[in-house]
């Protein structure tokens, strides 16, 4: 049966109160066996989301490419992993990207992704609209400059209870990790943390009312969790998960799996365009259990690789 990941992912998104402008439909077709970008009716989405509750865990990985397109793939957790690719669509040039969140407006008339990316010296937000027929249509808004020295960005999005927060994390070549809060469409600096000069890949593995946790690798191949309390004066809590074995991965992608804080992690080696899928238990430092599912049968030819998820899917991996 052809996957309908877009429809499955929309469970719970109807809670959104955000608004978005609609645009003209884009004609297009979708060939099997690729998952469909087509937006189904609210009734169909709800029916399919119920079916998804009993399905295997899936990593939904996306990546902007050097050819100014976006590719993405569903990776079903199995030994070996199973992959189904979406149709590529046009995008813009980027050098670093953060999570893509699927959302819809309050009247459920417009479905879209949103997220952040770096292009040259500037930080941008994209809103990528989906329609009843055809491929996604991206739009872009420049937020501000001064980002030349940032090599990686990641976002948290705690949306299920109060106090909510939406943070942007930036890994700088000066060895500092910066944090920003989203305020009125822009970002306010919340300061920085030193000691991250040797770190490379970065993504969010937890987002809660009181803290975020980043999953990060070092150039030497170590794997860490970095718990950052929401309290502005608190210092990060750094825990080593593995001391070696992760040096090949320039991108990490995380999705929740199960009801006990488990996480699917995809590590991508940019030198070989290869991705590997892992299942993590709830992260507890060096005692974290990691199961390798193996190499994913797909070509990960991206600038970097990020999670495709929904606005209300929360990570609780640590």
C-alpha atoms as a PDB file:
ATOM      1  CA  UNK A   1       0.000   0.000   0.000  1.00  0.00           C
ATOM      2  CA  UNK A   2       1.390   3.399  -0.939  1.00  0.00           C
ATOM      3  CA  UNK A   3       2.416   5.407   2.131  1.00  0.00           C
ATOM      4  CA  UNK A   4       0.453   8.578   2.882  1.00  0.00           C
ATOM      5  CA  UNK A   5       2.887  10.030   5.398  1.00  0.00           C
ATOM      6  CA  UNK A   6       1.644  13.570   4.966  1.00  0.00           C
ATOM      7  CA  UNK A   7      -1.861  12.572   5.977  1.00  0.00           C
ATOM      8  CA  UNK A   8      -0.650  10.430   8.860  1.00  0.00           C
ATOM      9  CA  UNK A   9       1.445  13.241  10.262  1.00  0.00           C
ATOM     10  CA  UNK A  10      -1.467  15.673  10.505  1.00  0.00           C
ATOM     11  CA  UNK A  11      -3.009  14.096  13.637  1.00  0.00           C
ATOM     12  CA  UNK A  12      -3.500  16.845  16.208  1.00  0.00           C
ATOM     13  CA  UNK A  13      -2.428  19.695  13.974  1.00  0.00           C
ATOM     14  CA  UNK A  14      -5.986  21.063  13.914  1.00  0.00           C
ATOM     15  CA  UNK A  15      -5.298  22.583  17.357  1.00  0.00           C
ATOM     16  CA  UNK A  16      -3.246  25.335  15.728  1.00  0.00           C
ATOM     17  CA  UNK A  17      -4.385  28.930  15.948  1.00  0.00           C
ATOM     18  CA  UNK A  18      -1.822  30.275  13.490  1.00  0.00           C
ATOM     19  CA  UNK A  19      -2.888  31.866  10.208  1.00  0.00           C
ATOM     20  CA  UNK A  20      -1.376  31.589   6.767  1.00  0.00           C
ATOM     21  CA  UNK A  21      -2.185  33.014   3.351  1.00  0.00           C
ATOM     22  CA  UNK A  22      -3.255  30.571   0.680  1.00  0.00           C
ATOM     23  CA  UNK A  23      -2.054  30.694  -2.892  1.00  0.00           C
ATOM     24  CA  UNK A  24      -2.866  29.266  -6.289  1.00  0.00           C
ATOM     25  CA  UNK A  25      -2.839  25.509  -6.707  1.00  0.00           C
ATOM     26  CA  UNK A  26       0.081  23.917  -8.527  1.00  0.00           C
ATOM     27  CA  UNK A  27      -0.674  21.230 -11.055  1.00  0.00           C
ATOM     28  CA  UNK A  28       1.318  18.036 -10.769  1.00  0.00           C
ATOM     29  CA  UNK A  29       1.256  14.268 -10.563  1.00  0.00           C
ATOM     30  CA  UNK A  30       2.707  11.703  -8.148  1.00  0.00           C
ATOM     31  CA  UNK A  31       4.014   8.347  -9.320  1.00  0.00           C
ATOM     32  CA  UNK A  32       4.042   5.164  -7.235  1.00  0.00           C
ATOM     33  CA  UNK A  33       5.644   4.051  -5.020  1.00  0.00           C
ATOM     34  CA  UNK A  34       6.586   7.485  -3.661  1.00  0.00           C
ATOM     35  CA  UNK A  35       4.601   8.800  -0.671  1.00  0.00           C
ATOM     36  CA  UNK A  36       2.194  11.530  -1.732  1.00  0.00           C
ATOM     37  CA  UNK A  37       2.452  15.273  -1.024  1.00  0.00           C
ATOM     38  CA  UNK A  38      -1.274  15.604  -1.799  1.00  0.00           C
ATOM     39  CA  UNK A  39      -3.356  17.198   0.957  1.00  0.00           C
ATOM     40  CA  UNK A  40      -6.402  15.060   1.677  1.00  0.00           C
ATOM     41  CA  UNK A  41      -9.668  16.121   3.333  1.00  0.00           C
ATOM     42  CA  UNK A  42      -9.737  16.574   7.103  1.00  0.00           C
ATOM     43  CA  UNK A  43     -11.865  13.422   7.364  1.00  0.00           C
ATOM     44  CA  UNK A  44      -9.326  11.353   5.430  1.00  0.00           C
ATOM     45  CA  UNK A  45      -6.431  12.719   7.460  1.00  0.00           C
ATOM     46  CA  UNK A  46      -8.148  11.862  10.720  1.00  0.00           C
ATOM     47  CA  UNK A  47      -8.993   8.328   9.540  1.00  0.00           C
ATOM     48  CA  UNK A  48      -5.441   7.666   8.397  1.00  0.00           C
ATOM     49  CA  UNK A  49      -3.961   9.090  11.591  1.00  0.00           C
ATOM     50  CA  UNK A  50      -5.864   6.497  13.602  1.00  0.00           C
ATOM     51  CA  UNK A  51      -4.378   3.758  11.431  1.00  0.00           C
ATOM     52  CA  UNK A  52      -0.930   5.238  11.983  1.00  0.00           C
ATOM     53  CA  UNK A  53      -1.130   4.825  15.754  1.00  0.00           C
ATOM     54  CA  UNK A  54      -0.369   1.108  15.460  1.00  0.00           C
ATOM     55  CA  UNK A  55       2.212   1.459  12.700  1.00  0.00           C
ATOM     56  CA  UNK A  56       5.970   1.013  13.027  1.00  0.00           C
ATOM     57  CA  UNK A  57       8.031   4.031  14.019  1.00  0.00           C
ATOM     58  CA  UNK A  58       9.233   6.127  11.092  1.00  0.00           C
ATOM     59  CA  UNK A  59      12.048   8.627  10.580  1.00  0.00           C
ATOM     60  CA  UNK A  60      10.846  11.370   8.206  1.00  0.00           C
ATOM     61  CA  UNK A  61      14.109  12.883   6.940  1.00  0.00           C
ATOM     62  CA  UNK A  62      14.404  15.859   4.611  1.00  0.00           C
ATOM     63  CA  UNK A  63      17.330  17.621   2.978  1.00  0.00           C
ATOM     64  CA  UNK A  64      17.896  20.652   0.747  1.00  0.00           C
ATOM     65  CA  UNK A  65      20.381  19.756  -1.992  1.00  0.00           C
ATOM     66  CA  UNK A  66      23.105  21.620  -3.837  1.00  0.00           C
ATOM     67  CA  UNK A  67      20.791  21.653  -6.870  1.00  0.00           C
ATOM     68  CA  UNK A  68      18.310  23.890  -4.961  1.00  0.00           C
ATOM     69  CA  UNK A  69      15.712  21.181  -4.469  1.00  0.00           C
ATOM     70  CA  UNK A  70      14.364  19.449  -1.371  1.00  0.00           C
ATOM     71  CA  UNK A  71      14.284  15.669  -1.112  1.00  0.00           C
ATOM     72  CA  UNK A  72      12.834  13.596   1.712  1.00  0.00           C
ATOM     73  CA  UNK A  73      12.272   9.997   2.656  1.00  0.00           C
ATOM     74  CA  UNK A  74      10.255   7.915   5.099  1.00  0.00           C
ATOM     75  CA  UNK A  75      12.482   5.374   6.848  1.00  0.00           C
ATOM     76  CA  UNK A  76      10.587   2.588   8.606  1.00  0.00           C
ATOM     77  CA  UNK A  77      12.415   1.131  11.592  1.00  0.00           C
ATOM     78  CA  UNK A  78      13.386  -2.432  10.674  1.00  0.00           C
ATOM     79  CA  UNK A  79      16.424  -4.632  10.080  1.00  0.00           C
ATOM     80  CA  UNK A  80      17.294  -3.540   7.456  1.00  0.00           C
ATOM     81  CA  UNK A  81      15.476  -0.177   7.336  1.00  0.00           C
ATOM     82  CA  UNK A  82      12.875   0.355   4.597  1.00  0.00           C
ATOM     83  CA  UNK A  83      12.794   3.649   2.692  1.00  0.00           C
ATOM     84  CA  UNK A  84      10.197   5.397   0.513  1.00  0.00           C
ATOM     85  CA  UNK A  85      11.132   8.696  -1.143  1.00  0.00           C
ATOM     86  CA  UNK A  86       8.945  11.702  -1.842  1.00  0.00           C
ATOM     87  CA  UNK A  87       8.997  13.596  -5.118  1.00  0.00           C
ATOM     88  CA  UNK A  88      11.684  16.349  -5.000  1.00  0.00           C
ATOM     89  CA  UNK A  89      10.523  19.960  -5.280  1.00  0.00           C
ATOM     90  CA  UNK A  90      12.243  23.272  -5.934  1.00  0.00           C
ATOM     91  CA  UNK A  91      13.705  25.277  -3.048  1.00  0.00           C
ATOM     92  CA  UNK A  92      16.493  27.850  -2.625  1.00  0.00           C
ATOM     93  CA  UNK A  93      20.181  27.602  -1.819  1.00  0.00           C
ATOM     94  CA  UNK A  94      21.015  26.990   1.849  1.00  0.00           C
ATOM     95  CA  UNK A  95      24.065  26.124   3.923  1.00  0.00           C
ATOM     96  CA  UNK A  96      22.394  25.053   7.197  1.00  0.00           C
ATOM     97  CA  UNK A  97      18.818  24.085   8.057  1.00  0.00           C
ATOM     98  CA  UNK A  98      16.613  23.372  11.063  1.00  0.00           C
ATOM     99  CA  UNK A  99      13.537  21.161  11.592  1.00  0.00           C
ATOM    100  CA  UNK A 100      10.582  21.479   9.203  1.00  0.00           C
ATOM    101  CA  UNK A 101       7.264  21.661  11.130  1.00  0.00           C
ATOM    102  CA  UNK A 102       3.992  20.703   9.458  1.00  0.00           C
ATOM    103  CA  UNK A 103       1.053  22.910  10.493  1.00  0.00           C
ATOM    104  CA  UNK A 104      -2.288  24.270   9.325  1.00  0.00           C
ATOM    105  CA  UNK A 105      -4.171  27.515   9.826  1.00  0.00           C
ATOM    106  CA  UNK A 106      -7.049  27.909  12.291  1.00  0.00           C
ATOM    107  CA  UNK A 107      -9.731  27.322   9.656  1.00  0.00           C
ATOM    108  CA  UNK A 108      -7.953  24.203   8.323  1.00  0.00           C
ATOM    109  CA  UNK A 109      -7.942  25.707   4.819  1.00  0.00           C
ATOM    110  CA  UNK A 110      -4.174  25.882   4.381  1.00  0.00           C
ATOM    111  CA  UNK A 111      -1.523  23.294   5.232  1.00  0.00           C
ATOM    112  CA  UNK A 112       2.147  24.267   5.251  1.00  0.00           C
ATOM    113  CA  UNK A 113       5.624  23.558   6.569  1.00  0.00           C
ATOM    114  CA  UNK A 114       7.691  26.202   8.315  1.00  0.00           C
ATOM    115  CA  UNK A 115      11.313  26.296   9.447  1.00  0.00           C
ATOM    116  CA  UNK A 116      14.598  28.208   9.484  1.00  0.00           C
ATOM    117  CA  UNK A 117      17.684  28.111   7.297  1.00  0.00           C
ATOM    118  CA  UNK A 118      20.942  29.986   6.740  1.00  0.00           C
ATOM    119  CA  UNK A 119      21.888  31.455   3.376  1.00  0.00           C
ATOM    120  CA  UNK A 120      25.214  33.284   3.312  1.00  0.00           C
ATOM    121  CA  UNK A 121      25.244  35.786   6.174  1.00  0.00           C
ATOM    122  CA  UNK A 122      21.481  35.757   6.738  1.00  0.00           C
ATOM    123  CA  UNK A 123      18.875  33.789   8.698  1.00  0.00           C
ATOM    124  CA  UNK A 124      15.654  33.049   6.806  1.00  0.00           C
ATOM    125  CA  UNK A 125      12.272  31.553   7.620  1.00  0.00           C
ATOM    126  CA  UNK A 126      10.503  29.533   4.961  1.00  0.00           C
ATOM    127  CA  UNK A 127       6.791  28.815   4.723  1.00  0.00           C
ATOM    128  CA  UNK A 128       6.218  25.979   2.280  1.00  0.00           C
ATOM    129  CA  UNK A 129       2.582  25.620   1.239  1.00  0.00           C
ATOM    130  CA  UNK A 130       0.845  22.353   0.326  1.00  0.00           C
ATOM    131  CA  UNK A 131      -2.176  22.076  -1.940  1.00  0.00           C
ATOM    132  CA  UNK A 132      -4.804  19.568  -2.968  1.00  0.00           C
ATOM    133  CA  UNK A 133      -2.798  18.769  -6.096  1.00  0.00           C
ATOM    134  CA  UNK A 134       0.848  19.163  -6.975  1.00  0.00           C
ATOM    135  CA  UNK A 135       4.203  19.717  -5.243  1.00  0.00           C
ATOM    136  CA  UNK A 136       4.938  21.989  -2.251  1.00  0.00           C
ATOM    137  CA  UNK A 137       5.444  25.684  -2.961  1.00  0.00           C
ATOM    138  CA  UNK A 138       8.023  27.474  -0.740  1.00  0.00           C
ATOM    139  CA  UNK A 139       8.162  31.160   0.193  1.00  0.00           C
ATOM    140  CA  UNK A 140      11.009  32.892   2.069  1.00  0.00           C
ATOM    141  CA  UNK A 141      11.405  35.763   4.551  1.00  0.00           C
ATOM    142  CA  UNK A 142      14.748  37.221   5.605  1.00  0.00           C
ATOM    143  CA  UNK A 143      14.970  37.619   9.395  1.00  0.00           C
ATOM    144  CA  UNK A 144      18.402  39.200   9.810  1.00  0.00           C
ATOM    145  CA  UNK A 145      22.131  39.112   9.144  1.00  0.00           C
ATOM    146  CA  UNK A 146      25.257  38.354  11.143  1.00  0.00           C
ATOM    147  CA  UNK A 147      25.207  34.565  10.772  1.00  0.00           C
ATOM    148  CA  UNK A 148      28.393  33.999   8.754  1.00  0.00           C
ATOM    149  CA  UNK A 149      30.253  32.277  11.599  1.00  0.00           C
ATOM    150  CA  UNK A 150      27.432  29.853  12.456  1.00  0.00           C
ATOM    151  CA  UNK A 151      27.951  26.339  11.113  1.00  0.00           C
ATOM    152  CA  UNK A 152      24.842  24.560  12.435  1.00  0.00           C
ATOM    153  CA  UNK A 153      21.367  25.506  13.716  1.00  0.00           C
ATOM    154  CA  UNK A 154      18.611  23.591  15.494  1.00  0.00           C
ATOM    155  CA  UNK A 155      15.178  24.510  16.848  1.00  0.00           C
ATOM    156  CA  UNK A 156      13.010  23.392  19.745  1.00  0.00           C
ATOM    157  CA  UNK A 157       9.250  23.794  19.777  1.00  0.00           C
ATOM    158  CA  UNK A 158       7.490  23.076  23.086  1.00  0.00           C
ATOM    159  CA  UNK A 159       3.830  23.547  22.115  1.00  0.00           C
ATOM    160  CA  UNK A 160       1.687  21.135  24.141  1.00  0.00           C
ATOM    161  CA  UNK A 161       1.401  23.002  27.465  1.00  0.00           C
ATOM    162  CA  UNK A 162       2.313  26.190  29.278  1.00  0.00           C
ATOM    163  CA  UNK A 163       4.828  27.724  29.449  1.00  0.00           C
ATOM    164  CA  UNK A 164       5.471  27.226  25.738  1.00  0.00           C
ATOM    165  CA  UNK A 165       8.768  28.113  24.126  1.00  0.00           C
ATOM    166  CA  UNK A 166      10.376  28.167  20.687  1.00  0.00           C
ATOM    167  CA  UNK A 167      14.176  28.392  20.759  1.00  0.00           C
ATOM    168  CA  UNK A 168      16.834  28.591  18.084  1.00  0.00           C
ATOM    169  CA  UNK A 169      20.272  27.142  18.842  1.00  0.00           C
ATOM    170  CA  UNK A 170      23.330  28.139  16.815  1.00  0.00           C
ATOM    171  CA  UNK A 171      26.731  26.424  16.902  1.00  0.00           C
ATOM    172  CA  UNK A 172      29.426  28.997  16.149  1.00  0.00           C
ATOM    173  CA  UNK A 173      32.945  28.489  14.823  1.00  0.00           C
ATOM    174  CA  UNK A 174      34.217  30.429  17.862  1.00  0.00           C
ATOM    175  CA  UNK A 175      33.305  27.431  20.034  1.00  0.00           C
ATOM    176  CA  UNK A 176      30.184  28.943  21.612  1.00  0.00           C
ATOM    177  CA  UNK A 177      26.625  27.597  21.510  1.00  0.00           C
ATOM    178  CA  UNK A 178      24.097  30.440  21.241  1.00  0.00           C
ATOM    179  CA  UNK A 179      20.417  30.383  22.181  1.00  0.00           C
ATOM    180  CA  UNK A 180      17.656  32.675  20.897  1.00  0.00           C
ATOM    181  CA  UNK A 181      13.954  32.995  21.737  1.00  0.00           C
ATOM    182  CA  UNK A 182      11.382  33.633  19.038  1.00  0.00           C
ATOM    183  CA  UNK A 183       9.732  37.017  19.659  1.00  0.00           C
ATOM    184  CA  UNK A 184       7.218  38.684  17.309  1.00  0.00           C
ATOM    185  CA  UNK A 185       8.542  36.992  14.203  1.00  0.00           C
ATOM    186  CA  UNK A 186      12.177  37.673  15.100  1.00  0.00           C
ATOM    187  CA  UNK A 187      14.656  36.325  17.644  1.00  0.00           C
ATOM    188  CA  UNK A 188      15.983  37.674  20.941  1.00  0.00           C
ATOM    189  CA  UNK A 189      19.419  36.576  22.160  1.00  0.00           C
ATOM    190  CA  UNK A 190      19.432  34.596  25.407  1.00  0.00           C
ATOM    191  CA  UNK A 191      23.216  34.403  25.655  1.00  0.00           C
ATOM    192  CA  UNK A 192      25.726  31.682  24.891  1.00  0.00           C
ATOM    193  CA  UNK A 193      27.590  28.731  26.391  1.00  0.00           C
ATOM    194  CA  UNK A 194      31.312  28.145  25.912  1.00  0.00           C
ATOM    195  CA  UNK A 195      33.123  24.849  25.411  1.00  0.00           C
ATOM    196  CA  UNK A 196      31.720  23.590  22.080  1.00  0.00           C
ATOM    197  CA  UNK A 197      34.660  24.174  19.742  1.00  0.00           C
ATOM    198  CA  UNK A 198      35.151  20.463  18.991  1.00  0.00           C
ATOM    199  CA  UNK A 199      31.483  19.719  18.269  1.00  0.00           C
ATOM    200  CA  UNK A 200      30.100  19.017  14.811  1.00  0.00           C
ATOM    201  CA  UNK A 201      26.565  17.632  14.300  1.00  0.00           C
ATOM    202  CA  UNK A 202      23.643  18.978  16.362  1.00  0.00           C
ATOM    203  CA  UNK A 203      19.917  18.313  16.732  1.00  0.00           C
ATOM    204  CA  UNK A 204      17.230  18.450  19.439  1.00  0.00           C
ATOM    205  CA  UNK A 205      16.307  15.220  21.253  1.00  0.00           C
ATOM    206  CA  UNK A 206      14.074  16.662  24.035  1.00  0.00           C
ATOM    207  CA  UNK A 207      11.814  19.695  24.386  1.00  0.00           C
ATOM    208  CA  UNK A 208       9.971  20.131  27.696  1.00  0.00           C
ATOM    209  CA  UNK A 209       8.534  22.957  29.786  1.00  0.00           C
ATOM    210  CA  UNK A 210      11.728  23.194  31.848  1.00  0.00           C
ATOM    211  CA  UNK A 211      14.567  22.221  29.495  1.00  0.00           C
ATOM    212  CA  UNK A 212      15.683  21.356  25.976  1.00  0.00           C
ATOM    213  CA  UNK A 213      18.260  18.674  25.238  1.00  0.00           C
ATOM    214  CA  UNK A 214      20.561  18.648  22.236  1.00  0.00           C
ATOM    215  CA  UNK A 215      22.166  15.532  20.784  1.00  0.00           C
ATOM    216  CA  UNK A 216      25.647  16.412  19.518  1.00  0.00           C
ATOM    217  CA  UNK A 217      28.717  14.713  18.058  1.00  0.00           C
ATOM    218  CA  UNK A 218      32.342  15.803  18.252  1.00  0.00           C
ATOM    219  CA  UNK A 219      34.958  15.821  15.519  1.00  0.00           C
ATOM    220  CA  UNK A 220      36.651  12.941  17.362  1.00  0.00           C
ATOM    221  CA  UNK A 221      33.481  10.820  17.223  1.00  0.00           C
ATOM    222  CA  UNK A 222      32.014  11.134  20.721  1.00  0.00           C
ATOM    223  CA  UNK A 223      28.241  11.442  21.217  1.00  0.00           C
ATOM    224  CA  UNK A 224      26.762  13.664  23.946  1.00  0.00           C
ATOM    225  CA  UNK A 225      23.466  14.990  25.268  1.00  0.00           C
ATOM    226  CA  UNK A 226      23.458  18.657  26.280  1.00  0.00           C
ATOM    227  CA  UNK A 227      20.532  19.495  28.590  1.00  0.00           C
ATOM    228  CA  UNK A 228      19.868  23.247  28.619  1.00  0.00           C
ATOM    229  CA  UNK A 229      17.427  24.482  31.284  1.00  0.00           C
ATOM    230  CA  UNK A 230      14.869  27.089  30.264  1.00  0.00           C
ATOM    231  CA  UNK A 231      16.026  29.195  33.224  1.00  0.00           C
ATOM    232  CA  UNK A 232      18.334  31.776  31.716  1.00  0.00           C
ATOM    233  CA  UNK A 233      21.041  31.591  34.393  1.00  0.00           C
ATOM    234  CA  UNK A 234      21.309  27.795  34.493  1.00  0.00           C
ATOM    235  CA  UNK A 235      24.274  26.021  32.902  1.00  0.00           C
ATOM    236  CA  UNK A 236      23.998  23.085  30.471  1.00  0.00           C
ATOM    237  CA  UNK A 237      24.236  19.532  31.811  1.00  0.00           C
ATOM    238  CA  UNK A 238      26.599  17.549  29.578  1.00  0.00           C
ATOM    239  CA  UNK A 239      26.429  13.728  29.487  1.00  0.00           C
ATOM    240  CA  UNK A 240      28.597  11.391  27.410  1.00  0.00           C
ATOM    241  CA  UNK A 241      26.632   8.654  25.619  1.00  0.00           C
ATOM    242  CA  UNK A 242      29.455   7.096  23.592  1.00  0.00           C
ATOM    243  CA  UNK A 243      33.133   8.030  23.540  1.00  0.00           C
ATOM    244  CA  UNK A 244      33.749   6.982  19.909  1.00  0.00           C
ATOM    245  CA  UNK A 245      32.124   5.709  16.718  1.00  0.00           C
ATOM    246  CA  UNK A 246      30.129   8.767  15.570  1.00  0.00           C
ATOM    247  CA  UNK A 247      32.768  10.804  13.722  1.00  0.00           C
ATOM    248  CA  UNK A 248      31.422   9.981  10.251  1.00  0.00           C
ATOM    249  CA  UNK A 249      28.102  11.774  10.785  1.00  0.00           C
ATOM    250  CA  UNK A 250      27.695  15.424   9.830  1.00  0.00           C
ATOM    251  CA  UNK A 251      23.903  15.352  10.326  1.00  0.00           C
ATOM    252  CA  UNK A 252      21.709  13.856  13.051  1.00  0.00           C
ATOM    253  CA  UNK A 253      17.910  13.539  12.719  1.00  0.00           C
ATOM    254  CA  UNK A 254      15.623  12.556  15.616  1.00  0.00           C
ATOM    255  CA  UNK A 255      11.998  11.399  15.984  1.00  0.00           C
ATOM    256  CA  UNK A 256      10.154  10.095  19.018  1.00  0.00           C
ATOM    257  CA  UNK A 257       9.379   6.383  19.047  1.00  0.00           C
ATOM    258  CA  UNK A 258       7.250   4.542  21.600  1.00  0.00           C
ATOM    259  CA  UNK A 259       5.762   5.732  24.894  1.00  0.00           C
ATOM    260  CA  UNK A 260       8.828   5.547  27.161  1.00  0.00           C
ATOM    261  CA  UNK A 261      11.018   8.264  25.752  1.00  0.00           C
ATOM    262  CA  UNK A 262      12.582   6.242  22.961  1.00  0.00           C
ATOM    263  CA  UNK A 263      14.054   7.998  19.935  1.00  0.00           C
ATOM    264  CA  UNK A 264      14.841   7.052  16.362  1.00  0.00           C
ATOM    265  CA  UNK A 265      18.119   8.631  15.268  1.00  0.00           C
ATOM    266  CA  UNK A 266      19.352   8.844  11.687  1.00  0.00           C
ATOM    267  CA  UNK A 267      23.023   9.668  11.245  1.00  0.00           C
ATOM    268  CA  UNK A 268      24.120  10.890   7.805  1.00  0.00           C
ATOM    269  CA  UNK A 269      27.657  10.690   6.412  1.00  0.00           C
ATOM    270  CA  UNK A 270      27.973  13.538   3.904  1.00  0.00           C
ATOM    271  CA  UNK A 271      31.158  12.096   2.410  1.00  0.00           C
ATOM    272  CA  UNK A 272      29.351   8.983   1.182  1.00  0.00           C
ATOM    273  CA  UNK A 273      25.748  10.338   1.031  1.00  0.00           C
ATOM    274  CA  UNK A 274      24.786   7.451   3.323  1.00  0.00           C
ATOM    275  CA  UNK A 275      22.309   7.331   6.209  1.00  0.00           C
ATOM    276  CA  UNK A 276      22.086   4.872   9.108  1.00  0.00           C
ATOM    277  CA  UNK A 277      19.148   4.362  11.457  1.00  0.00           C
ATOM    278  CA  UNK A 278      19.360   3.703  15.214  1.00  0.00           C
ATOM    279  CA  UNK A 279      16.901   3.241  18.067  1.00  0.00           C
ATOM    280  CA  UNK A 280      17.841   4.910  21.364  1.00  0.00           C
ATOM    281  CA  UNK A 281      16.332   4.171  24.732  1.00  0.00           C
ATOM    282  CA  UNK A 282      15.506   7.173  26.935  1.00  0.00           C
ATOM    283  CA  UNK A 283      18.924   8.826  27.128  1.00  0.00           C
ATOM    284  CA  UNK A 284      20.751   8.249  30.421  1.00  0.00           C
ATOM    285  CA  UNK A 285      24.331   9.033  29.544  1.00  0.00           C
ATOM    286  CA  UNK A 286      26.658   6.074  28.974  1.00  0.00           C
ATOM    287  CA  UNK A 287      23.934   3.585  29.996  1.00  0.00           C
ATOM    288  CA  UNK A 288      21.736   4.598  27.029  1.00  0.00           C
ATOM    289  CA  UNK A 289      20.846   1.516  24.989  1.00  0.00           C
ATOM    290  CA  UNK A 290      21.420   1.902  21.235  1.00  0.00           C
ATOM    291  CA  UNK A 291      20.189  -0.556  18.591  1.00  0.00           C
ATOM    292  CA  UNK A 292      21.562  -0.260  15.067  1.00  0.00           C
ATOM    293  CA  UNK A 293      19.114  -0.996  12.240  1.00  0.00           C
ATOM    294  CA  UNK A 294      21.777  -0.509   9.586  1.00  0.00           C
ATOM    295  CA  UNK A 295      22.243   1.403   6.366  1.00  0.00           C
ATOM    296  CA  UNK A 296      19.197   3.047   4.800  1.00  0.00           C
ATOM    297  CA  UNK A 297      18.602   2.232   1.102  1.00  0.00           C
ATOM    298  CA  UNK A 298      18.564   5.850  -0.090  1.00  0.00           C
ATOM    299  CA  UNK A 299      21.026   8.461  -1.370  1.00  0.00           C
ATOM    300  CA  UNK A 300      21.316  11.315   1.155  1.00  0.00           C
ATOM    301  CA  UNK A 301      22.796  13.938  -1.144  1.00  0.00           C
ATOM    302  CA  UNK A 302      21.917  16.965   0.972  1.00  0.00           C
ATOM    303  CA  UNK A 303      23.622  20.088   2.293  1.00  0.00           C
ATOM    304  CA  UNK A 304      22.496  18.827   5.683  1.00  0.00           C
ATOM    305  CA  UNK A 305      19.615  16.690   6.930  1.00  0.00           C
ATOM    306  CA  UNK A 306      16.747  17.546   9.268  1.00  0.00           C
ATOM    307  CA  UNK A 307      13.545  16.144  10.740  1.00  0.00           C
ATOM    308  CA  UNK A 308      10.206  16.613   9.025  1.00  0.00           C
ATOM    309  CA  UNK A 309       7.618  16.530  11.810  1.00  0.00           C
ATOM    310  CA  UNK A 310       4.479  18.364  12.965  1.00  0.00           C
ATOM    311  CA  UNK A 311       4.037  21.421  15.164  1.00  0.00           C
ATOM    312  CA  UNK A 312       2.609  19.316  18.015  1.00  0.00           C
ATOM    313  CA  UNK A 313       4.890  16.274  17.897  1.00  0.00           C
ATOM    314  CA  UNK A 314       7.194  16.662  20.898  1.00  0.00           C
ATOM    315  CA  UNK A 315      10.556  15.059  21.547  1.00  0.00           C
ATOM    316  CA  UNK A 316      11.218  13.530  24.963  1.00  0.00           C
ATOM    317  CA  UNK A 317      14.354  11.487  24.392  1.00  0.00           C
ATOM    318  CA  UNK A 318      16.238  12.606  27.522  1.00  0.00           C
END
